[in-house]
Amino acid sequence: MLKKKIELGNWFVSPIHPITKKFELWCYKWGENPVAEKLSLHIVNLPTHSQVTENYVERIARFLKKNRNEIYGSYEEM
């Protein structure tokens, strides 16, 4: 997405966002929530701010369609 100049948000990058390391300091043991852990490693946050134009949405849609085989459709697919 970076090559296509499509911005990504950095929300939910871990099961206890925004913490991304030293989980034990937050009383979290990796492995306790496998679905949340896997999702946090694969989630994509697309832009939704007021600067998103129709052209930008079309570029995002083309990128997602082109890469649809790399995207989970639901947590059951994981």
PDB file of N, CA and C in Angstrom:
ATOM      1  N   MET A   1       0.823  -1.177   0.000  1.00  0.00           N
ATOM      2  CA  MET A   1       0.000   0.000   0.000  1.00  0.00           C
ATOM      3  C   MET A   1       0.871   1.245   0.000  1.00  0.00           C
ATOM      4  N   LEU A   2       2.033   1.158   0.599  1.00  0.00           N
ATOM      5  CA  LEU A   2       2.919   2.315   0.608  1.00  0.00           C
ATOM      6  C   LEU A   2       3.357   2.691  -0.804  1.00  0.00           C
ATOM      7  N   LYS A   3       3.653   1.685  -1.630  1.00  0.00           N
ATOM      8  CA  LYS A   3       4.054   1.959  -3.012  1.00  0.00           C
ATOM      9  C   LYS A   3       2.946   2.642  -3.789  1.00  0.00           C
ATOM     10  N   LYS A   4       1.706   2.333  -3.462  1.00  0.00           N
ATOM     11  CA  LYS A   4       0.542   2.926  -4.137  1.00  0.00           C
ATOM     12  C   LYS A   4       0.092   4.223  -3.464  1.00  0.00           C
ATOM     13  N   LYS A   5       0.849   4.646  -2.442  1.00  0.00           N
ATOM     14  CA  LYS A   5       0.559   5.880  -1.707  1.00  0.00           C
ATOM     15  C   LYS A   5      -0.845   5.877  -1.096  1.00  0.00           C
ATOM     16  N   ILE A   6      -1.165   4.742  -0.504  1.00  0.00           N
ATOM     17  CA  ILE A   6      -2.425   4.610   0.233  1.00  0.00           C
ATOM     18  C   ILE A   6      -2.054   4.553   1.704  1.00  0.00           C
ATOM     19  N   GLU A   7      -2.529   5.526   2.455  1.00  0.00           N
ATOM     20  CA  GLU A   7      -2.160   5.572   3.864  1.00  0.00           C
ATOM     21  C   GLU A   7      -2.869   4.483   4.668  1.00  0.00           C
ATOM     22  N   LEU A   8      -2.198   4.058   5.701  1.00  0.00           N
ATOM     23  CA  LEU A   8      -2.752   3.059   6.608  1.00  0.00           C
ATOM     24  C   LEU A   8      -2.750   3.631   8.021  1.00  0.00           C
ATOM     25  N   GLY A   9      -3.788   3.330   8.758  1.00  0.00           N
ATOM     26  CA  GLY A   9      -3.803   3.702  10.161  1.00  0.00           C
ATOM     27  C   GLY A   9      -3.004   2.700  10.963  1.00  0.00           C
ATOM     28  N   ASN A  10      -2.619   3.068  12.147  1.00  0.00           N
ATOM     29  CA  ASN A  10      -1.872   2.134  13.001  1.00  0.00           C
ATOM     30  C   ASN A  10      -2.667   1.791  14.255  1.00  0.00           C
ATOM     31  N   TRP A  11      -3.965   1.674  14.108  1.00  0.00           N
ATOM     32  CA  TRP A  11      -4.824   1.296  15.228  1.00  0.00           C
ATOM     33  C   TRP A  11      -4.900  -0.218  15.325  1.00  0.00           C
ATOM     34  N   PHE A  12      -5.054  -0.691  16.497  1.00  0.00           N
ATOM     35  CA  PHE A  12      -5.266  -2.122  16.761  1.00  0.00           C
ATOM     36  C   PHE A  12      -4.107  -2.985  16.295  1.00  0.00           C
ATOM     37  N   VAL A  13      -2.881  -2.483  16.475  1.00  0.00           N
ATOM     38  CA  VAL A  13      -1.697  -3.233  16.047  1.00  0.00           C
ATOM     39  C   VAL A  13      -1.287  -4.298  17.056  1.00  0.00           C
ATOM     40  N   SER A  14      -2.028  -4.409  18.128  1.00  0.00           N
ATOM     41  CA  SER A  14      -1.809  -5.472  19.103  1.00  0.00           C
ATOM     42  C   SER A  14      -3.133  -5.722  19.817  1.00  0.00           C
ATOM     43  N   PRO A  15      -3.247  -6.852  20.507  1.00  0.00           N
ATOM     44  CA  PRO A  15      -4.499  -7.120  21.222  1.00  0.00           C
ATOM     45  C   PRO A  15      -4.743  -6.142  22.370  1.00  0.00           C
ATOM     46  N   ILE A  16      -3.706  -5.435  22.806  1.00  0.00           N
ATOM     47  CA  ILE A  16      -3.887  -4.401  23.831  1.00  0.00           C
ATOM     48  C   ILE A  16      -3.312  -3.073  23.309  1.00  0.00           C
ATOM     49  N   HIS A  17      -3.793  -2.681  22.149  1.00  0.00           N
ATOM     50  CA  HIS A  17      -3.355  -1.453  21.491  1.00  0.00           C
ATOM     51  C   HIS A  17      -3.353  -0.292  22.474  1.00  0.00           C
ATOM     52  N   PRO A  18      -2.346   0.552  22.451  1.00  0.00           N
ATOM     53  CA  PRO A  18      -1.242   0.653  21.495  1.00  0.00           C
ATOM     54  C   PRO A  18       0.026  -0.092  21.899  1.00  0.00           C
ATOM     55  N   ILE A  19      -0.035  -0.922  22.905  1.00  0.00           N
ATOM     56  CA  ILE A  19       1.150  -1.648  23.385  1.00  0.00           C
ATOM     57  C   ILE A  19       1.581  -2.665  22.334  1.00  0.00           C
ATOM     58  N   THR A  20       2.880  -2.659  21.981  1.00  0.00           N
ATOM     59  CA  THR A  20       3.385  -3.592  20.967  1.00  0.00           C
ATOM     60  C   THR A  20       4.551  -4.447  21.447  1.00  0.00           C
ATOM     61  N   LYS A  21       4.984  -4.233  22.680  1.00  0.00           N
ATOM     62  CA  LYS A  21       6.068  -5.059  23.232  1.00  0.00           C
ATOM     63  C   LYS A  21       5.978  -5.028  24.751  1.00  0.00           C
ATOM     64  N   LYS A  22       6.726  -5.900  25.373  1.00  0.00           N
ATOM     65  CA  LYS A  22       6.735  -6.005  26.833  1.00  0.00           C
ATOM     66  C   LYS A  22       5.309  -6.107  27.391  1.00  0.00           C
ATOM     67  N   PHE A  23       4.560  -7.011  26.787  1.00  0.00           N
ATOM     68  CA  PHE A  23       3.161  -7.203  27.190  1.00  0.00           C
ATOM     69  C   PHE A  23       3.026  -7.566  28.668  1.00  0.00           C
ATOM     70  N   GLU A  24       4.047  -8.242  29.197  1.00  0.00           N
ATOM     71  CA  GLU A  24       3.972  -8.660  30.594  1.00  0.00           C
ATOM     72  C   GLU A  24       3.856  -7.469  31.552  1.00  0.00           C
ATOM     73  N   LEU A  25       4.367  -6.314  31.149  1.00  0.00           N
ATOM     74  CA  LEU A  25       4.232  -5.117  31.989  1.00  0.00           C
ATOM     75  C   LEU A  25       2.773  -4.679  32.110  1.00  0.00           C
ATOM     76  N   TRP A  26       1.950  -5.177  31.206  1.00  0.00           N
ATOM     77  CA  TRP A  26       0.527  -4.847  31.193  1.00  0.00           C
ATOM     78  C   TRP A  26      -0.321  -6.058  31.598  1.00  0.00           C
ATOM     79  N   CYS A  27       0.335  -7.042  32.224  1.00  0.00           N
ATOM     80  CA  CYS A  27      -0.328  -8.267  32.690  1.00  0.00           C
ATOM     81  C   CYS A  27      -1.012  -9.015  31.547  1.00  0.00           C
ATOM     82  N   TYR A  28      -0.371  -8.983  30.383  1.00  0.00           N
ATOM     83  CA  TYR A  28      -0.906  -9.721  29.237  1.00  0.00           C
ATOM     84  C   TYR A  28       0.110 -10.768  28.824  1.00  0.00           C
ATOM     85  N   LYS A  29      -0.341 -12.001  28.668  1.00  0.00           N
ATOM     86  CA  LYS A  29       0.522 -13.087  28.226  1.00  0.00           C
ATOM     87  C   LYS A  29       0.139 -13.437  26.790  1.00  0.00           C
ATOM     88  N   TRP A  30       1.124 -13.320  25.888  1.00  0.00           N
ATOM     89  CA  TRP A  30       0.867 -13.648  24.480  1.00  0.00           C
ATOM     90  C   TRP A  30       0.393 -15.088  24.407  1.00  0.00           C
ATOM     91  N   GLY A  31      -0.685 -15.315  23.689  1.00  0.00           N
ATOM     92  CA  GLY A  31      -1.278 -16.632  23.564  1.00  0.00           C
ATOM     93  C   GLY A  31      -2.630 -16.725  24.260  1.00  0.00           C
ATOM     94  N   GLU A  32      -2.947 -15.745  25.095  1.00  0.00           N
ATOM     95  CA  GLU A  32      -4.226 -15.767  25.810  1.00  0.00           C
ATOM     96  C   GLU A  32      -5.418 -15.517  24.896  1.00  0.00           C
ATOM     97  N   ASN A  33      -5.217 -14.751  23.870  1.00  0.00           N
ATOM     98  CA  ASN A  33      -6.298 -14.397  22.948  1.00  0.00           C
ATOM     99  C   ASN A  33      -5.823 -14.587  21.510  1.00  0.00           C
ATOM    100  N   PRO A  34      -5.760 -15.832  21.038  1.00  0.00           N
ATOM    101  CA  PRO A  34      -5.175 -16.102  19.721  1.00  0.00           C
ATOM    102  C   PRO A  34      -5.894 -15.414  18.566  1.00  0.00           C
ATOM    103  N   VAL A  35      -7.200 -15.278  18.625  1.00  0.00           N
ATOM    104  CA  VAL A  35      -7.913 -14.617  17.533  1.00  0.00           C
ATOM    105  C   VAL A  35      -7.534 -13.140  17.490  1.00  0.00           C
ATOM    106  N   ALA A  36      -7.574 -12.467  18.627  1.00  0.00           N
ATOM    107  CA  ALA A  36      -7.202 -11.050  18.678  1.00  0.00           C
ATOM    108  C   ALA A  36      -5.748 -10.844  18.269  1.00  0.00           C
ATOM    109  N   GLU A  37      -4.888 -11.761  18.665  1.00  0.00           N
ATOM    110  CA  GLU A  37      -3.472 -11.652  18.315  1.00  0.00           C
ATOM    111  C   GLU A  37      -3.267 -11.778  16.810  1.00  0.00           C
ATOM    112  N   LYS A  38      -3.919 -12.760  16.207  1.00  0.00           N
ATOM    113  CA  LYS A  38      -3.761 -12.937  14.767  1.00  0.00           C
ATOM    114  C   LYS A  38      -4.377 -11.772  14.002  1.00  0.00           C
ATOM    115  N   LEU A  39      -5.543 -11.340  14.431  1.00  0.00           N
ATOM    116  CA  LEU A  39      -6.178 -10.195  13.774  1.00  0.00           C
ATOM    117  C   LEU A  39      -5.311  -8.954  13.869  1.00  0.00           C
ATOM    118  N   SER A  40      -4.725  -8.714  15.023  1.00  0.00           N
ATOM    119  CA  SER A  40      -3.911  -7.511  15.192  1.00  0.00           C
ATOM    120  C   SER A  40      -2.674  -7.539  14.302  1.00  0.00           C
ATOM    121  N   LEU A  41      -2.222  -8.719  13.923  1.00  0.00           N
ATOM    122  CA  LEU A  41      -1.073  -8.828  13.023  1.00  0.00           C
ATOM    123  C   LEU A  41      -1.462  -8.684  11.557  1.00  0.00           C
ATOM    124  N   HIS A  42      -2.768  -8.737  11.263  1.00  0.00           N
ATOM    125  CA  HIS A  42      -3.217  -8.705   9.880  1.00  0.00           C
ATOM    126  C   HIS A  42      -4.191  -7.582   9.548  1.00  0.00           C
ATOM    127  N   ILE A  43      -4.624  -6.842  10.531  1.00  0.00           N
ATOM    128  CA  ILE A  43      -5.656  -5.836  10.304  1.00  0.00           C
ATOM    129  C   ILE A  43      -5.118  -4.670   9.477  1.00  0.00           C
ATOM    130  N   VAL A  44      -5.984  -4.127   8.650  1.00  0.00           N
ATOM    131  CA  VAL A  44      -5.649  -2.959   7.835  1.00  0.00           C
ATOM    132  C   VAL A  44      -6.654  -1.869   8.166  1.00  0.00           C
ATOM    133  N   ASN A  45      -6.142  -0.699   8.497  1.00  0.00           N
ATOM    134  CA  ASN A  45      -6.995   0.444   8.791  1.00  0.00           C
ATOM    135  C   ASN A  45      -6.916   1.416   7.634  1.00  0.00           C
ATOM    136  N   LEU A  46      -8.008   1.568   6.940  1.00  0.00           N
ATOM    137  CA  LEU A  46      -8.056   2.445   5.775  1.00  0.00           C
ATOM    138  C   LEU A  46      -8.445   3.856   6.186  1.00  0.00           C
ATOM    139  N   PRO A  47      -8.034   4.851   5.408  1.00  0.00           N
ATOM    140  CA  PRO A  47      -8.348   6.238   5.750  1.00  0.00           C
ATOM    141  C   PRO A  47      -9.840   6.531   5.615  1.00  0.00           C
ATOM    142  N   THR A  48     -10.352   7.309   6.549  1.00  0.00           N
ATOM    143  CA  THR A  48     -11.764   7.701   6.523  1.00  0.00           C
ATOM    144  C   THR A  48     -11.935   9.193   6.817  1.00  0.00           C
ATOM    145  N   HIS A  49     -10.858   9.945   6.772  1.00  0.00           N
ATOM    146  CA  HIS A  49     -10.917  11.366   7.107  1.00  0.00           C
ATOM    147  C   HIS A  49     -11.521  12.197   5.973  1.00  0.00           C
ATOM    148  N   SER A  50     -11.722  13.470   6.218  1.00  0.00           N
ATOM    149  CA  SER A  50     -12.412  14.344   5.259  1.00  0.00           C
ATOM    150  C   SER A  50     -11.617  14.615   3.988  1.00  0.00           C
ATOM    151  N   GLN A  51     -10.342  14.285   3.963  1.00  0.00           N
ATOM    152  CA  GLN A  51      -9.517  14.495   2.766  1.00  0.00           C
ATOM    153  C   GLN A  51      -9.581  13.327   1.782  1.00  0.00           C
ATOM    154  N   VAL A  52     -10.344  12.309   2.097  1.00  0.00           N
ATOM    155  CA  VAL A  52     -10.479  11.159   1.208  1.00  0.00           C
ATOM    156  C   VAL A  52     -11.430  11.541   0.073  1.00  0.00           C
ATOM    157  N   THR A  53     -10.900  11.536  -1.135  1.00  0.00           N
ATOM    158  CA  THR A  53     -11.692  11.903  -2.309  1.00  0.00           C
ATOM    159  C   THR A  53     -12.249  10.654  -2.987  1.00  0.00           C
ATOM    160  N   GLU A  54     -13.144  10.869  -3.916  1.00  0.00           N
ATOM    161  CA  GLU A  54     -13.700   9.742  -4.668  1.00  0.00           C
ATOM    162  C   GLU A  54     -12.606   9.019  -5.450  1.00  0.00           C
ATOM    163  N   ASN A  55     -11.663   9.779  -5.997  1.00  0.00           N
ATOM    164  CA  ASN A  55     -10.537   9.187  -6.718  1.00  0.00           C
ATOM    165  C   ASN A  55      -9.701   8.315  -5.782  1.00  0.00           C
ATOM    166  N   TYR A  56      -9.477   8.813  -4.576  1.00  0.00           N
ATOM    167  CA  TYR A  56      -8.707   8.052  -3.587  1.00  0.00           C
ATOM    168  C   TYR A  56      -9.433   6.752  -3.233  1.00  0.00           C
ATOM    169  N   VAL A  57     -10.731   6.821  -3.047  1.00  0.00           N
ATOM    170  CA  VAL A  57     -11.519   5.621  -2.740  1.00  0.00           C
ATOM    171  C   VAL A  57     -11.405   4.620  -3.876  1.00  0.00           C
ATOM    172  N   GLU A  58     -11.433   5.081  -5.110  1.00  0.00           N
ATOM    173  CA  GLU A  58     -11.303   4.189  -6.265  1.00  0.00           C
ATOM    174  C   GLU A  58      -9.932   3.524  -6.285  1.00  0.00           C
ATOM    175  N   ARG A  59      -8.876   4.265  -5.941  1.00  0.00           N
ATOM    176  CA  ARG A  59      -7.526   3.684  -5.885  1.00  0.00           C
ATOM    177  C   ARG A  59      -7.451   2.609  -4.800  1.00  0.00           C
ATOM    178  N   ILE A  60      -8.050   2.892  -3.656  1.00  0.00           N
ATOM    179  CA  ILE A  60      -8.068   1.910  -2.569  1.00  0.00           C
ATOM    180  C   ILE A  60      -8.826   0.659  -3.011  1.00  0.00           C
ATOM    181  N   ALA A  61      -9.973   0.855  -3.644  1.00  0.00           N
ATOM    182  CA  ALA A  61     -10.789  -0.282  -4.100  1.00  0.00           C
ATOM    183  C   ALA A  61     -10.024  -1.129  -5.109  1.00  0.00           C
ATOM    184  N   ARG A  62      -9.331  -0.490  -6.045  1.00  0.00           N
ATOM    185  CA  ARG A  62      -8.538  -1.241  -7.035  1.00  0.00           C
ATOM    186  C   ARG A  62      -7.450  -2.058  -6.339  1.00  0.00           C
ATOM    187  N   PHE A  63      -6.778  -1.446  -5.355  1.00  0.00           N
ATOM    188  CA  PHE A  63      -5.728  -2.150  -4.631  1.00  0.00           C
ATOM    189  C   PHE A  63      -6.299  -3.363  -3.897  1.00  0.00           C
ATOM    190  N   LEU A  64      -7.413  -3.166  -3.208  1.00  0.00           N
ATOM    191  CA  LEU A  64      -8.023  -4.265  -2.460  1.00  0.00           C
ATOM    192  C   LEU A  64      -8.491  -5.388  -3.383  1.00  0.00           C
ATOM    193  N   LYS A  65      -9.084  -5.034  -4.515  1.00  0.00           N
ATOM    194  CA  LYS A  65      -9.515  -6.056  -5.472  1.00  0.00           C
ATOM    195  C   LYS A  65      -8.326  -6.835  -6.006  1.00  0.00           C
ATOM    196  N   LYS A  66      -7.253  -6.133  -6.332  1.00  0.00           N
ATOM    197  CA  LYS A  66      -6.060  -6.784  -6.874  1.00  0.00           C
ATOM    198  C   LYS A  66      -5.440  -7.740  -5.857  1.00  0.00           C
ATOM    199  N   ASN A  67      -5.559  -7.410  -4.573  1.00  0.00           N
ATOM    200  CA  ASN A  67      -4.925  -8.197  -3.518  1.00  0.00           C
ATOM    201  C   ASN A  67      -5.910  -8.984  -2.680  1.00  0.00           C
ATOM    202  N   ARG A  68      -7.106  -9.218  -3.202  1.00  0.00           N
ATOM    203  CA  ARG A  68      -8.163  -9.857  -2.412  1.00  0.00           C
ATOM    204  C   ARG A  68      -7.803 -11.245  -1.912  1.00  0.00           C
ATOM    205  N   ASN A  69      -6.926 -11.951  -2.601  1.00  0.00           N
ATOM    206  CA  ASN A  69      -6.533 -13.294  -2.144  1.00  0.00           C
ATOM    207  C   ASN A  69      -5.664 -13.257  -0.894  1.00  0.00           C
ATOM    208  N   GLU A  70      -5.140 -12.082  -0.555  1.00  0.00           N
ATOM    209  CA  GLU A  70      -4.301 -11.920   0.632  1.00  0.00           C
ATOM    210  C   GLU A  70      -5.090 -11.390   1.825  1.00  0.00           C
ATOM    211  N   ILE A  71      -6.386 -11.190   1.653  1.00  0.00           N
ATOM    212  CA  ILE A  71      -7.215 -10.568   2.685  1.00  0.00           C
ATOM    213  C   ILE A  71      -8.188 -11.586   3.252  1.00  0.00           C
ATOM    214  N   TYR A  72      -8.262 -11.647   4.572  1.00  0.00           N
ATOM    215  CA  TYR A  72      -9.243 -12.518   5.224  1.00  0.00           C
ATOM    216  C   TYR A  72     -10.628 -11.904   5.079  1.00  0.00           C
ATOM    217  N   GLY A  73     -11.599 -12.720   4.775  1.00  0.00           N
ATOM    218  CA  GLY A  73     -12.970 -12.254   4.684  1.00  0.00           C
ATOM    219  C   GLY A  73     -13.684 -12.306   6.020  1.00  0.00           C
ATOM    220  N   SER A  74     -13.185 -13.160   6.915  1.00  0.00           N
ATOM    221  CA  SER A  74     -13.779 -13.285   8.244  1.00  0.00           C
ATOM    222  C   SER A  74     -12.755 -13.962   9.152  1.00  0.00           C
ATOM    223  N   TYR A  75     -13.024 -13.934  10.440  1.00  0.00           N
ATOM    224  CA  TYR A  75     -12.066 -14.549  11.358  1.00  0.00           C
ATOM    225  C   TYR A  75     -12.060 -16.071  11.199  1.00  0.00           C
ATOM    226  N   GLU A  76     -13.138 -16.644  10.645  1.00  0.00           N
ATOM    227  CA  GLU A  76     -13.158 -18.089  10.426  1.00  0.00           C
ATOM    228  C   GLU A  76     -12.111 -18.518   9.405  1.00  0.00           C
ATOM    229  N   GLU A  77     -11.744 -17.634   8.482  1.00  0.00           N
ATOM    230  CA  GLU A  77     -10.760 -17.977   7.453  1.00  0.00           C
ATOM    231  C   GLU A  77      -9.349 -18.058   7.990  1.00  0.00           C
ATOM    232  N   MET A  78      -9.138 -17.534   9.191  1.00  0.00           N
ATOM    233  CA  MET A  78      -7.799 -17.522   9.752  1.00  0.00           C
ATOM    234  C   MET A  78      -7.418 -18.937  10.119  1.00  0.00           C
TER     235      MET A  78
END
